[in-house]
PDB file of N, CA and C in Angstrom:
ATOM      1  N   UNK A   1      -9.551  15.091 -25.081  1.00  0.00           N
ATOM      2  CA  UNK A   1      -8.527  14.721 -24.115  1.00  0.00           C
ATOM      3  C   UNK A   1      -7.274  15.549 -24.403  1.00  0.00           C
ATOM      4  N   UNK A   2      -6.727  16.150 -23.360  1.00  0.00           N
ATOM      5  CA  UNK A   2      -5.495  16.928 -23.509  1.00  0.00           C
ATOM      6  C   UNK A   2      -4.332  16.003 -23.844  1.00  0.00           C
ATOM      7  N   UNK A   3      -3.250  16.607 -24.283  1.00  0.00           N
ATOM      8  CA  UNK A   3      -2.038  15.836 -24.574  1.00  0.00           C
ATOM      9  C   UNK A   3      -1.586  15.118 -23.310  1.00  0.00           C
ATOM     10  N   UNK A   4      -1.189  13.883 -23.482  1.00  0.00           N
ATOM     11  CA  UNK A   4      -0.720  13.067 -22.367  1.00  0.00           C
ATOM     12  C   UNK A   4       0.780  12.905 -22.493  1.00  0.00           C
ATOM     13  N   UNK A   5       1.494  13.114 -21.394  1.00  0.00           N
ATOM     14  CA  UNK A   5       2.952  12.984 -21.421  1.00  0.00           C
ATOM     15  C   UNK A   5       3.449  12.432 -20.105  1.00  0.00           C
ATOM     16  N   UNK A   6       4.546  11.707 -20.189  1.00  0.00           N
ATOM     17  CA  UNK A   6       5.238  11.255 -18.981  1.00  0.00           C
ATOM     18  C   UNK A   6       6.695  11.018 -19.328  1.00  0.00           C
ATOM     19  N   UNK A   7       7.539  11.242 -18.343  1.00  0.00           N
ATOM     20  CA  UNK A   7       8.965  10.980 -18.472  1.00  0.00           C
ATOM     21  C   UNK A   7       9.399  10.150 -17.280  1.00  0.00           C
ATOM     22  N   UNK A   8      10.061   9.038 -17.556  1.00  0.00           N
ATOM     23  CA  UNK A   8      10.580   8.163 -16.512  1.00  0.00           C
ATOM     24  C   UNK A   8      12.078   8.026 -16.689  1.00  0.00           C
ATOM     25  N   UNK A   9      12.774   7.825 -15.570  1.00  0.00           N
ATOM     26  CA  UNK A   9      14.227   7.651 -15.611  1.00  0.00           C
ATOM     27  C   UNK A   9      14.590   6.295 -15.038  1.00  0.00           C
ATOM     28  N   UNK A  10      15.528   5.645 -15.709  1.00  0.00           N
ATOM     29  CA  UNK A  10      15.970   4.308 -15.316  1.00  0.00           C
ATOM     30  C   UNK A  10      17.495   4.253 -15.325  1.00  0.00           C
ATOM     31  N   UNK A  11      18.040   3.397 -14.484  1.00  0.00           N
ATOM     32  CA  UNK A  11      19.469   3.091 -14.502  1.00  0.00           C
ATOM     33  C   UNK A  11      19.616   1.654 -14.968  1.00  0.00           C
ATOM     34  N   UNK A  12      20.422   1.442 -15.985  1.00  0.00           N
ATOM     35  CA  UNK A  12      20.644   0.094 -16.519  1.00  0.00           C
ATOM     36  C   UNK A  12      21.399  -0.732 -15.469  1.00  0.00           C
ATOM     37  N   UNK A  13      20.825  -1.886 -15.123  1.00  0.00           N
ATOM     38  CA  UNK A  13      21.465  -2.806 -14.181  1.00  0.00           C
ATOM     39  C   UNK A  13      21.796  -4.108 -14.907  1.00  0.00           C
ATOM     40  N   UNK A  14      22.486  -4.987 -14.217  1.00  0.00           N
ATOM     41  CA  UNK A  14      22.801  -6.293 -14.804  1.00  0.00           C
ATOM     42  C   UNK A  14      21.526  -7.031 -15.219  1.00  0.00           C
ATOM     43  N   UNK A  15      20.439  -6.832 -14.483  1.00  0.00           N
ATOM     44  CA  UNK A  15      19.166  -7.506 -14.796  1.00  0.00           C
ATOM     45  C   UNK A  15      18.509  -6.974 -16.066  1.00  0.00           C
ATOM     46  N   UNK A  16      18.953  -5.828 -16.553  1.00  0.00           N
ATOM     47  CA  UNK A  16      18.368  -5.194 -17.739  1.00  0.00           C
ATOM     48  C   UNK A  16      19.118  -5.537 -19.019  1.00  0.00           C
ATOM     49  N   UNK A  17      20.202  -6.274 -18.911  1.00  0.00           N
ATOM     50  CA  UNK A  17      21.050  -6.513 -20.082  1.00  0.00           C
ATOM     51  C   UNK A  17      20.450  -7.545 -21.030  1.00  0.00           C
ATOM     52  N   UNK A  18      20.919  -7.481 -22.264  1.00  0.00           N
ATOM     53  CA  UNK A  18      20.488  -8.456 -23.271  1.00  0.00           C
ATOM     54  C   UNK A  18      20.786  -9.874 -22.788  1.00  0.00           C
ATOM     55  N   UNK A  19      21.936 -10.051 -22.155  1.00  0.00           N
ATOM     56  CA  UNK A  19      22.299 -11.376 -21.645  1.00  0.00           C
ATOM     57  C   UNK A  19      21.301 -11.851 -20.588  1.00  0.00           C
ATOM     58  N   UNK A  20      20.835 -10.954 -19.736  1.00  0.00           N
ATOM     59  CA  UNK A  20      19.914 -11.331 -18.652  1.00  0.00           C
ATOM     60  C   UNK A  20      18.496 -11.585 -19.151  1.00  0.00           C
ATOM     61  N   UNK A  21      18.044 -10.832 -20.162  1.00  0.00           N
ATOM     62  CA  UNK A  21      16.659 -10.958 -20.614  1.00  0.00           C
ATOM     63  C   UNK A  21      16.497 -11.894 -21.802  1.00  0.00           C
ATOM     64  N   UNK A  22      17.602 -12.494 -22.238  1.00  0.00           N
ATOM     65  CA  UNK A  22      17.517 -13.508 -23.285  1.00  0.00           C
ATOM     66  C   UNK A  22      17.437 -12.971 -24.697  1.00  0.00           C
ATOM     67  N   UNK A  23      17.879 -11.730 -24.905  1.00  0.00           N
ATOM     68  CA  UNK A  23      17.795 -11.168 -26.251  1.00  0.00           C
ATOM     69  C   UNK A  23      19.173 -10.982 -26.884  1.00  0.00           C
ATOM     70  N   UNK A  24      20.149 -11.647 -26.328  1.00  0.00           N
ATOM     71  CA  UNK A  24      21.508 -11.549 -26.848  1.00  0.00           C
ATOM     72  C   UNK A  24      22.489 -11.970 -25.784  1.00  0.00           C
ATOM     73  N   UNK A  25      23.759 -11.790 -26.081  1.00  0.00           N
ATOM     74  CA  UNK A  25      24.785 -12.253 -25.148  1.00  0.00           C
ATOM     75  C   UNK A  25      25.611 -11.127 -24.547  1.00  0.00           C
ATOM     76  N   UNK A  26      25.336  -9.883 -24.926  1.00  0.00           N
ATOM     77  CA  UNK A  26      26.169  -8.775 -24.468  1.00  0.00           C
ATOM     78  C   UNK A  26      25.623  -8.124 -23.198  1.00  0.00           C
ATOM     79  N   UNK A  27      26.515  -7.552 -22.398  1.00  0.00           N
ATOM     80  CA  UNK A  27      26.100  -6.887 -21.158  1.00  0.00           C
ATOM     81  C   UNK A  27      25.705  -5.429 -21.400  1.00  0.00           C
ATOM     82  N   UNK A  28      24.743  -5.220 -22.302  1.00  0.00           N
ATOM     83  CA  UNK A  28      24.203  -3.890 -22.612  1.00  0.00           C
ATOM     84  C   UNK A  28      22.683  -3.954 -22.490  1.00  0.00           C
ATOM     85  N   UNK A  29      22.051  -2.782 -22.428  1.00  0.00           N
ATOM     86  CA  UNK A  29      20.591  -2.721 -22.302  1.00  0.00           C
ATOM     87  C   UNK A  29      19.928  -3.573 -23.373  1.00  0.00           C
ATOM     88  N   UNK A  30      19.090  -4.520 -22.941  1.00  0.00           N
ATOM     89  CA  UNK A  30      18.379  -5.396 -23.870  1.00  0.00           C
ATOM     90  C   UNK A  30      17.148  -4.710 -24.435  1.00  0.00           C
ATOM     91  N   UNK A  31      16.863  -4.993 -25.674  1.00  0.00           N
ATOM     92  CA  UNK A  31      15.704  -4.395 -26.333  1.00  0.00           C
ATOM     93  C   UNK A  31      14.391  -4.707 -25.612  1.00  0.00           C
ATOM     94  N   UNK A  32      14.179  -5.945 -25.116  1.00  0.00           N
ATOM     95  CA  UNK A  32      12.927  -6.183 -24.386  1.00  0.00           C
ATOM     96  C   UNK A  32      12.765  -5.274 -23.168  1.00  0.00           C
ATOM     97  N   UNK A  33      13.856  -4.973 -22.469  1.00  0.00           N
ATOM     98  CA  UNK A  33      13.774  -4.076 -21.310  1.00  0.00           C
ATOM     99  C   UNK A  33      13.492  -2.651 -21.772  1.00  0.00           C
ATOM    100  N   UNK A  34      14.130  -2.224 -22.868  1.00  0.00           N
ATOM    101  CA  UNK A  34      13.848  -0.897 -23.400  1.00  0.00           C
ATOM    102  C   UNK A  34      12.372  -0.777 -23.760  1.00  0.00           C
ATOM    103  N   UNK A  35      11.832  -1.801 -24.378  1.00  0.00           N
ATOM    104  CA  UNK A  35      10.410  -1.803 -24.717  1.00  0.00           C
ATOM    105  C   UNK A  35       9.551  -1.705 -23.461  1.00  0.00           C
ATOM    106  N   UNK A  36       9.893  -2.469 -22.434  1.00  0.00           N
ATOM    107  CA  UNK A  36       9.130  -2.420 -21.179  1.00  0.00           C
ATOM    108  C   UNK A  36       9.171  -1.014 -20.584  1.00  0.00           C
ATOM    109  N   UNK A  37      10.319  -0.365 -20.650  1.00  0.00           N
ATOM    110  CA  UNK A  37      10.421   0.996 -20.129  1.00  0.00           C
ATOM    111  C   UNK A  37       9.574   1.962 -20.945  1.00  0.00           C
ATOM    112  N   UNK A  38       9.541   1.787 -22.251  1.00  0.00           N
ATOM    113  CA  UNK A  38       8.701   2.634 -23.097  1.00  0.00           C
ATOM    114  C   UNK A  38       7.227   2.433 -22.765  1.00  0.00           C
ATOM    115  N   UNK A  39       6.823   1.184 -22.585  1.00  0.00           N
ATOM    116  CA  UNK A  39       5.430   0.923 -22.212  1.00  0.00           C
ATOM    117  C   UNK A  39       5.110   1.501 -20.843  1.00  0.00           C
ATOM    118  N   UNK A  40       6.050   1.418 -19.907  1.00  0.00           N
ATOM    119  CA  UNK A  40       5.834   1.993 -18.579  1.00  0.00           C
ATOM    120  C   UNK A  40       5.598   3.496 -18.669  1.00  0.00           C
ATOM    121  N   UNK A  41       6.315   4.167 -19.556  1.00  0.00           N
ATOM    122  CA  UNK A  41       6.119   5.605 -19.730  1.00  0.00           C
ATOM    123  C   UNK A  41       4.735   5.904 -20.292  1.00  0.00           C
ATOM    124  N   UNK A  42       4.254   5.066 -21.223  1.00  0.00           N
ATOM    125  CA  UNK A  42       2.904   5.302 -21.766  1.00  0.00           C
ATOM    126  C   UNK A  42       1.854   5.073 -20.687  1.00  0.00           C
ATOM    127  N   UNK A  43       2.061   4.066 -19.843  1.00  0.00           N
ATOM    128  CA  UNK A  43       1.132   3.822 -18.727  1.00  0.00           C
ATOM    129  C   UNK A  43       1.124   5.014 -17.773  1.00  0.00           C
ATOM    130  N   UNK A  44       2.311   5.529 -17.463  1.00  0.00           N
ATOM    131  CA  UNK A  44       2.401   6.682 -16.565  1.00  0.00           C
ATOM    132  C   UNK A  44       1.691   7.893 -17.150  1.00  0.00           C
ATOM    133  N   UNK A  45       1.680   8.012 -18.467  1.00  0.00           N
ATOM    134  CA  UNK A  45       1.015   9.140 -19.119  1.00  0.00           C
ATOM    135  C   UNK A  45      -0.502   9.003 -19.095  1.00  0.00           C
ATOM    136  N   UNK A  46      -1.008   7.790 -19.332  1.00  0.00           N
ATOM    137  CA  UNK A  46      -2.461   7.609 -19.454  1.00  0.00           C
ATOM    138  C   UNK A  46      -3.152   7.295 -18.120  1.00  0.00           C
ATOM    139  N   UNK A  47      -2.461   6.646 -17.204  1.00  0.00           N
ATOM    140  CA  UNK A  47      -3.099   6.192 -15.955  1.00  0.00           C
ATOM    141  C   UNK A  47      -3.825   7.290 -15.172  1.00  0.00           C
ATOM    142  N   UNK A  48      -3.260   8.490 -15.043  1.00  0.00           N
ATOM    143  CA  UNK A  48      -3.966   9.524 -14.267  1.00  0.00           C
ATOM    144  C   UNK A  48      -5.315   9.935 -14.861  1.00  0.00           C
ATOM    145  N   UNK A  49      -5.562   9.610 -16.124  1.00  0.00           N
ATOM    146  CA  UNK A  49      -6.803  10.022 -16.780  1.00  0.00           C
ATOM    147  C   UNK A  49      -7.877   8.944 -16.724  1.00  0.00           C
ATOM    148  N   UNK A  50      -7.534   7.763 -16.238  1.00  0.00           N
ATOM    149  CA  UNK A  50      -8.455   6.627 -16.300  1.00  0.00           C
ATOM    150  C   UNK A  50      -9.522   6.687 -15.221  1.00  0.00           C
ATOM    151  N   UNK A  51     -10.734   6.300 -15.602  1.00  0.00           N
ATOM    152  CA  UNK A  51     -11.825   6.181 -14.642  1.00  0.00           C
ATOM    153  C   UNK A  51     -11.567   4.978 -13.753  1.00  0.00           C
ATOM    154  N   UNK A  52     -12.181   4.978 -12.587  1.00  0.00           N
ATOM    155  CA  UNK A  52     -12.037   3.848 -11.673  1.00  0.00           C
ATOM    156  C   UNK A  52     -12.511   2.568 -12.363  1.00  0.00           C
ATOM    157  N   UNK A  53     -11.729   1.506 -12.232  1.00  0.00           N
ATOM    158  CA  UNK A  53     -12.064   0.239 -12.857  1.00  0.00           C
ATOM    159  C   UNK A  53     -11.514   0.086 -14.269  1.00  0.00           C
ATOM    160  N   UNK A  54     -10.953   1.160 -14.805  1.00  0.00           N
ATOM    161  CA  UNK A  54     -10.377   1.104 -16.147  1.00  0.00           C
ATOM    162  C   UNK A  54      -8.868   0.921 -16.071  1.00  0.00           C
ATOM    163  N   UNK A  55      -8.325   0.387 -17.130  1.00  0.00           N
ATOM    164  CA  UNK A  55      -6.888   0.283 -17.305  1.00  0.00           C
ATOM    165  C   UNK A  55      -6.613   0.418 -18.797  1.00  0.00           C
ATOM    166  N   UNK A  56      -5.361   0.330 -19.180  1.00  0.00           N
ATOM    167  CA  UNK A  56      -5.053   0.349 -20.605  1.00  0.00           C
ATOM    168  C   UNK A  56      -4.199  -0.860 -20.928  1.00  0.00           C
ATOM    169  N   UNK A  57      -4.342  -1.324 -22.153  1.00  0.00           N
ATOM    170  CA  UNK A  57      -3.561  -2.467 -22.619  1.00  0.00           C
ATOM    171  C   UNK A  57      -2.821  -2.053 -23.882  1.00  0.00           C
ATOM    172  N   UNK A  58      -1.596  -2.556 -24.003  1.00  0.00           N
ATOM    173  CA  UNK A  58      -0.822  -2.296 -25.201  1.00  0.00           C
ATOM    174  C   UNK A  58      -1.322  -3.166 -26.333  1.00  0.00           C
ATOM    175  N   UNK A  59      -1.457  -2.582 -27.522  1.00  0.00           N
ATOM    176  CA  UNK A  59      -1.965  -3.349 -28.667  1.00  0.00           C
ATOM    177  C   UNK A  59      -1.034  -3.337 -29.869  1.00  0.00           C
ATOM    178  N   UNK A  60      -0.117  -2.368 -29.915  1.00  0.00           N
ATOM    179  CA  UNK A  60       0.780  -2.288 -31.074  1.00  0.00           C
ATOM    180  C   UNK A  60       2.036  -1.545 -30.660  1.00  0.00           C
ATOM    181  N   UNK A  61       3.180  -2.038 -31.134  1.00  0.00           N
ATOM    182  CA  UNK A  61       4.460  -1.422 -30.808  1.00  0.00           C
ATOM    183  C   UNK A  61       5.342  -1.377 -32.048  1.00  0.00           C
ATOM    184  N   UNK A  62       5.977  -0.243 -32.256  1.00  0.00           N
ATOM    185  CA  UNK A  62       7.044  -0.109 -33.241  1.00  0.00           C
ATOM    186  C   UNK A  62       8.197   0.530 -32.490  1.00  0.00           C
ATOM    187  N   UNK A  63       9.330  -0.172 -32.432  1.00  0.00           N
ATOM    188  CA  UNK A  63      10.456   0.339 -31.665  1.00  0.00           C
ATOM    189  C   UNK A  63      11.755   0.099 -32.413  1.00  0.00           C
ATOM    190  N   UNK A  64      12.546   1.141 -32.530  1.00  0.00           N
ATOM    191  CA  UNK A  64      13.869   1.018 -33.117  1.00  0.00           C
ATOM    192  C   UNK A  64      14.888   1.289 -32.009  1.00  0.00           C
ATOM    193  N   UNK A  65      15.711   0.294 -31.714  1.00  0.00           N
ATOM    194  CA  UNK A  65      16.749   0.402 -30.685  1.00  0.00           C
ATOM    195  C   UNK A  65      18.029   0.769 -31.419  1.00  0.00           C
ATOM    196  N   UNK A  66      18.453   2.023 -31.297  1.00  0.00           N
ATOM    197  CA  UNK A  66      19.490   2.567 -32.177  1.00  0.00           C
ATOM    198  C   UNK A  66      20.873   2.696 -31.570  1.00  0.00           C
ATOM    199  N   UNK A  67      20.997   2.575 -30.242  1.00  0.00           N
ATOM    200  CA  UNK A  67      22.311   2.726 -29.622  1.00  0.00           C
ATOM    201  C   UNK A  67      22.390   1.879 -28.357  1.00  0.00           C
ATOM    202  N   UNK A  68      23.577   1.376 -28.089  1.00  0.00           N
ATOM    203  CA  UNK A  68      23.801   0.553 -26.901  1.00  0.00           C
ATOM    204  C   UNK A  68      23.959   1.427 -25.663  1.00  0.00           C
ATOM    205  N   UNK A  69      23.541   0.880 -24.510  1.00  0.00           N
ATOM    206  CA  UNK A  69      23.723   1.541 -23.218  1.00  0.00           C
ATOM    207  C   UNK A  69      24.327   0.534 -22.258  1.00  0.00           C
ATOM    208  N   UNK A  70      25.408   0.923 -21.623  1.00  0.00           N
ATOM    209  CA  UNK A  70      26.126   0.038 -20.707  1.00  0.00           C
ATOM    210  C   UNK A  70      25.449  -0.008 -19.335  1.00  0.00           C
ATOM    211  N   UNK A  71      25.779  -1.016 -18.561  1.00  0.00           N
ATOM    212  CA  UNK A  71      25.328  -1.089 -17.174  1.00  0.00           C
ATOM    213  C   UNK A  71      25.795   0.185 -16.466  1.00  0.00           C
ATOM    214  N   UNK A  72      24.876   0.786 -15.717  1.00  0.00           N
ATOM    215  CA  UNK A  72      25.160   2.036 -15.014  1.00  0.00           C
ATOM    216  C   UNK A  72      24.665   3.267 -15.742  1.00  0.00           C
ATOM    217  N   UNK A  73      24.341   3.120 -17.018  1.00  0.00           N
ATOM    218  CA  UNK A  73      23.860   4.267 -17.793  1.00  0.00           C
ATOM    219  C   UNK A  73      22.492   4.723 -17.282  1.00  0.00           C
ATOM    220  N   UNK A  74      22.261   6.017 -17.340  1.00  0.00           N
ATOM    221  CA  UNK A  74      20.969   6.602 -16.990  1.00  0.00           C
ATOM    222  C   UNK A  74      20.188   6.823 -18.280  1.00  0.00           C
ATOM    223  N   UNK A  75      19.016   6.229 -18.377  1.00  0.00           N
ATOM    224  CA  UNK A  75      18.184   6.338 -19.576  1.00  0.00           C
ATOM    225  C   UNK A  75      16.880   7.038 -19.209  1.00  0.00           C
ATOM    226  N   UNK A  76      16.553   8.067 -19.965  1.00  0.00           N
ATOM    227  CA  UNK A  76      15.314   8.815 -19.767  1.00  0.00           C
ATOM    228  C   UNK A  76      14.363   8.463 -20.896  1.00  0.00           C
ATOM    229  N   UNK A  77      13.158   8.036 -20.540  1.00  0.00           N
ATOM    230  CA  UNK A  77      12.157   7.631 -21.520  1.00  0.00           C
ATOM    231  C   UNK A  77      10.973   8.594 -21.442  1.00  0.00           C
ATOM    232  N   UNK A  78      10.607   9.145 -22.595  1.00  0.00           N
ATOM    233  CA  UNK A  78       9.487  10.072 -22.664  1.00  0.00           C
ATOM    234  C   UNK A  78       8.417   9.508 -23.588  1.00  0.00           C
ATOM    235  N   UNK A  79       7.178   9.598 -23.146  1.00  0.00           N
ATOM    236  CA  UNK A  79       6.020   9.202 -23.953  1.00  0.00           C
ATOM    237  C   UNK A  79       5.121  10.419 -24.110  1.00  0.00           C
ATOM    238  N   UNK A  80       4.691  10.677 -25.342  1.00  0.00           N
ATOM    239  CA  UNK A  80       3.801  11.802 -25.636  1.00  0.00           C
ATOM    240  C   UNK A  80       2.690  11.313 -26.545  1.00  0.00           C
ATOM    241  N   UNK A  81       1.447  11.633 -26.189  1.00  0.00           N
ATOM    242  CA  UNK A  81       0.339  11.211 -27.037  1.00  0.00           C
ATOM    243  C   UNK A  81       0.427  11.934 -28.375  1.00  0.00           C
ATOM    244  N   UNK A  82       0.276  11.157 -29.441  1.00  0.00           N
ATOM    245  CA  UNK A  82       0.330  11.707 -30.788  1.00  0.00           C
ATOM    246  C   UNK A  82      -1.029  11.655 -31.462  1.00  0.00           C
ATOM    247  N   UNK A  83      -1.888  10.737 -30.987  1.00  0.00           N
ATOM    248  CA  UNK A  83      -3.193  10.533 -31.612  1.00  0.00           C
ATOM    249  C   UNK A  83      -4.120   9.914 -30.572  1.00  0.00           C
ATOM    250  N   UNK A  84      -5.317  10.467 -30.457  1.00  0.00           N
ATOM    251  CA  UNK A  84      -6.323   9.933 -29.540  1.00  0.00           C
ATOM    252  C   UNK A  84      -7.626   9.809 -30.299  1.00  0.00           C
ATOM    253  N   UNK A  85      -8.236   8.636 -30.224  1.00  0.00           N
ATOM    254  CA  UNK A  85      -9.536   8.403 -30.853  1.00  0.00           C
ATOM    255  C   UNK A  85     -10.350   7.532 -29.913  1.00  0.00           C
ATOM    256  N   UNK A  86     -11.192   8.185 -29.114  1.00  0.00           N
ATOM    257  CA  UNK A  86     -11.991   7.438 -28.141  1.00  0.00           C
ATOM    258  C   UNK A  86     -11.094   6.740 -27.130  1.00  0.00           C
ATOM    259  N   UNK A  87     -11.167   5.407 -27.109  1.00  0.00           N
ATOM    260  CA  UNK A  87     -10.390   4.620 -26.147  1.00  0.00           C
ATOM    261  C   UNK A  87      -8.968   4.351 -26.618  1.00  0.00           C
ATOM    262  N   UNK A  88      -8.649   4.645 -27.880  1.00  0.00           N
ATOM    263  CA  UNK A  88      -7.328   4.370 -28.437  1.00  0.00           C
ATOM    264  C   UNK A  88      -6.414   5.582 -28.262  1.00  0.00           C
ATOM    265  N   UNK A  89      -5.200   5.311 -27.754  1.00  0.00           N
ATOM    266  CA  UNK A  89      -4.201   6.372 -27.596  1.00  0.00           C
ATOM    267  C   UNK A  89      -2.888   5.877 -28.192  1.00  0.00           C
ATOM    268  N   UNK A  90      -2.364   6.623 -29.167  1.00  0.00           N
ATOM    269  CA  UNK A  90      -1.074   6.285 -29.778  1.00  0.00           C
ATOM    270  C   UNK A  90      -0.036   7.268 -29.248  1.00  0.00           C
ATOM    271  N   UNK A  91       1.051   6.718 -28.742  1.00  0.00           N
ATOM    272  CA  UNK A  91       2.131   7.523 -28.174  1.00  0.00           C
ATOM    273  C   UNK A  91       3.376   7.451 -29.039  1.00  0.00           C
ATOM    274  N   UNK A  92       4.101   8.553 -29.117  1.00  0.00           N
ATOM    275  CA  UNK A  92       5.472   8.501 -29.595  1.00  0.00           C
ATOM    276  C   UNK A  92       6.336   8.338 -28.348  1.00  0.00           C
ATOM    277  N   UNK A  93       7.359   7.510 -28.464  1.00  0.00           N
ATOM    278  CA  UNK A  93       8.260   7.278 -27.341  1.00  0.00           C
ATOM    279  C   UNK A  93       9.691   7.531 -27.791  1.00  0.00           C
ATOM    280  N   UNK A  94      10.495   8.018 -26.864  1.00  0.00           N
ATOM    281  CA  UNK A  94      11.912   8.244 -27.137  1.00  0.00           C
ATOM    282  C   UNK A  94      12.690   7.958 -25.869  1.00  0.00           C
ATOM    283  N   UNK A  95      13.802   7.251 -26.024  1.00  0.00           N
ATOM    284  CA  UNK A  95      14.686   6.947 -24.898  1.00  0.00           C
ATOM    285  C   UNK A  95      16.035   7.587 -25.182  1.00  0.00           C
ATOM    286  N   UNK A  96      16.551   8.290 -24.191  1.00  0.00           N
ATOM    287  CA  UNK A  96      17.832   8.975 -24.369  1.00  0.00           C
ATOM    288  C   UNK A  96      18.762   8.702 -23.199  1.00  0.00           C
ATOM    289  N   UNK A  97      20.033   8.602 -23.533  1.00  0.00           N
ATOM    290  CA  UNK A  97      21.094   8.556 -22.531  1.00  0.00           C
ATOM    291  C   UNK A  97      21.843   9.865 -22.712  1.00  0.00           C
ATOM    292  N   UNK A  98      21.533  10.847 -21.856  1.00  0.00           N
ATOM    293  CA  UNK A  98      22.032  12.199 -22.093  1.00  0.00           C
ATOM    294  C   UNK A  98      21.413  12.724 -23.368  1.00  0.00           C
ATOM    295  N   UNK A  99      22.223  13.154 -24.327  1.00  0.00           N
ATOM    296  CA  UNK A  99      21.698  13.643 -25.601  1.00  0.00           C
ATOM    297  C   UNK A  99      21.615  12.537 -26.649  1.00  0.00           C
ATOM    298  N   UNK A 100      22.240  11.387 -26.362  1.00  0.00           N
ATOM    299  CA  UNK A 100      22.252  10.275 -27.324  1.00  0.00           C
ATOM    300  C   UNK A 100      20.884   9.598 -27.369  1.00  0.00           C
ATOM    301  N   UNK A 101      20.314   9.477 -28.568  1.00  0.00           N
ATOM    302  CA  UNK A 101      19.060   8.767 -28.744  1.00  0.00           C
ATOM    303  C   UNK A 101      19.340   7.262 -28.699  1.00  0.00           C
ATOM    304  N   UNK A 102      18.726   6.580 -27.752  1.00  0.00           N
ATOM    305  CA  UNK A 102      18.908   5.136 -27.570  1.00  0.00           C
ATOM    306  C   UNK A 102      17.864   4.362 -28.364  1.00  0.00           C
ATOM    307  N   UNK A 103      16.648   4.897 -28.406  1.00  0.00           N
ATOM    308  CA  UNK A 103      15.575   4.233 -29.129  1.00  0.00           C
ATOM    309  C   UNK A 103      14.388   5.154 -29.292  1.00  0.00           C
ATOM    310  N   UNK A 104      13.543   4.817 -30.283  1.00  0.00           N
ATOM    311  CA  UNK A 104      12.345   5.615 -30.507  1.00  0.00           C
ATOM    312  C   UNK A 104      11.309   4.764 -31.226  1.00  0.00           C
ATOM    313  N   UNK A 105      10.060   5.202 -31.146  1.00  0.00           N
ATOM    314  CA  UNK A 105       9.008   4.472 -31.827  1.00  0.00           C
ATOM    315  C   UNK A 105       7.628   4.932 -31.412  1.00  0.00           C
ATOM    316  N   UNK A 106       6.680   4.022 -31.542  1.00  0.00           N
ATOM    317  CA  UNK A 106       5.280   4.280 -31.194  1.00  0.00           C
ATOM    318  C   UNK A 106       4.733   3.114 -30.386  1.00  0.00           C
ATOM    319  N   UNK A 107       3.880   3.461 -29.423  1.00  0.00           N
ATOM    320  CA  UNK A 107       3.170   2.455 -28.633  1.00  0.00           C
ATOM    321  C   UNK A 107       1.698   2.845 -28.644  1.00  0.00           C
ATOM    322  N   UNK A 108       0.841   1.908 -29.034  1.00  0.00           N
ATOM    323  CA  UNK A 108      -0.601   2.147 -29.030  1.00  0.00           C
ATOM    324  C   UNK A 108      -1.216   1.409 -27.850  1.00  0.00           C
ATOM    325  N   UNK A 109      -2.070   2.115 -27.115  1.00  0.00           N
ATOM    326  CA  UNK A 109      -2.773   1.535 -25.978  1.00  0.00           C
ATOM    327  C   UNK A 109      -4.273   1.739 -26.185  1.00  0.00           C
ATOM    328  N   UNK A 110      -5.061   0.839 -25.626  1.00  0.00           N
ATOM    329  CA  UNK A 110      -6.517   0.951 -25.656  1.00  0.00           C
ATOM    330  C   UNK A 110      -7.019   0.885 -24.226  1.00  0.00           C
ATOM    331  N   UNK A 111      -7.886   1.811 -23.871  1.00  0.00           N
ATOM    332  CA  UNK A 111      -8.474   1.848 -22.539  1.00  0.00           C
ATOM    333  C   UNK A 111      -9.598   0.817 -22.480  1.00  0.00           C
ATOM    334  N   UNK A 112      -9.569  -0.010 -21.427  1.00  0.00           N
ATOM    335  CA  UNK A 112     -10.569  -1.065 -21.256  1.00  0.00           C
ATOM    336  C   UNK A 112     -11.060  -1.076 -19.817  1.00  0.00           C
ATOM    337  N   UNK A 113     -12.225  -1.672 -19.622  1.00  0.00           N
ATOM    338  CA  UNK A 113     -12.724  -1.961 -18.284  1.00  0.00           C
ATOM    339  C   UNK A 113     -11.986  -3.217 -17.814  1.00  0.00           C
ATOM    340  N   UNK A 114     -11.239  -3.115 -16.733  1.00  0.00           N
ATOM    341  CA  UNK A 114     -10.367  -4.214 -16.290  1.00  0.00           C
ATOM    342  C   UNK A 114     -11.148  -5.499 -16.000  1.00  0.00           C
ATOM    343  N   UNK A 115     -12.240  -5.398 -15.284  1.00  0.00           N
ATOM    344  CA  UNK A 115     -13.013  -6.588 -14.917  1.00  0.00           C
ATOM    345  C   UNK A 115     -13.601  -7.267 -16.150  1.00  0.00           C
ATOM    346  N   UNK A 116     -14.163  -6.466 -17.026  1.00  0.00           N
ATOM    347  CA  UNK A 116     -14.749  -7.022 -18.271  1.00  0.00           C
ATOM    348  C   UNK A 116     -13.677  -7.663 -19.134  1.00  0.00           C
ATOM    349  N   UNK A 117     -12.512  -7.015 -19.236  1.00  0.00           N
ATOM    350  CA  UNK A 117     -11.408  -7.556 -20.017  1.00  0.00           C
ATOM    351  C   UNK A 117     -10.982  -8.931 -19.482  1.00  0.00           C
ATOM    352  N   UNK A 118     -10.799  -9.002 -18.170  1.00  0.00           N
ATOM    353  CA  UNK A 118     -10.354 -10.267 -17.556  1.00  0.00           C
ATOM    354  C   UNK A 118     -11.412 -11.352 -17.646  1.00  0.00           C
ATOM    355  N   UNK A 119     -12.679 -10.958 -17.647  1.00  0.00           N
ATOM    356  CA  UNK A 119     -13.748 -11.969 -17.708  1.00  0.00           C
ATOM    357  C   UNK A 119     -13.785 -12.689 -19.045  1.00  0.00           C
ATOM    358  N   UNK A 120     -13.136 -12.140 -20.061  1.00  0.00           N
ATOM    359  CA  UNK A 120     -13.127 -12.737 -21.390  1.00  0.00           C
ATOM    360  C   UNK A 120     -12.032 -13.771 -21.584  1.00  0.00           C
ATOM    361  N   UNK A 121     -11.172 -13.926 -20.603  1.00  0.00           N
ATOM    362  CA  UNK A 121     -10.034 -14.847 -20.764  1.00  0.00           C
ATOM    363  C   UNK A 121     -10.448 -16.310 -20.650  1.00  0.00           C
TER     364      UNK A 121
END
């Protein structure tokens, strides 16, 4: 499998703040939203390669949120595959506001058959 990459851009809104998502009281980008954006970038990277009926699920996350971003800030999130082993894909992720690093880490996804996965619930 070739290297997988995707870059997504987001604007921080009031709904993305720590106060709104329940991860604090300040009106800055909340870590849970940053994590969701990082996962969205990994999905955007892997989705074009998936066979019909397949999807990917997140199984492991390591994320360091290193800088605050105010409402209105533009955040660019990039996901790049760092390791692929069969159905497992580990991505490095980085979020930046301009040149400032907002957060970085790793997200591991596993490719699954969607119907079979749901039938196990």
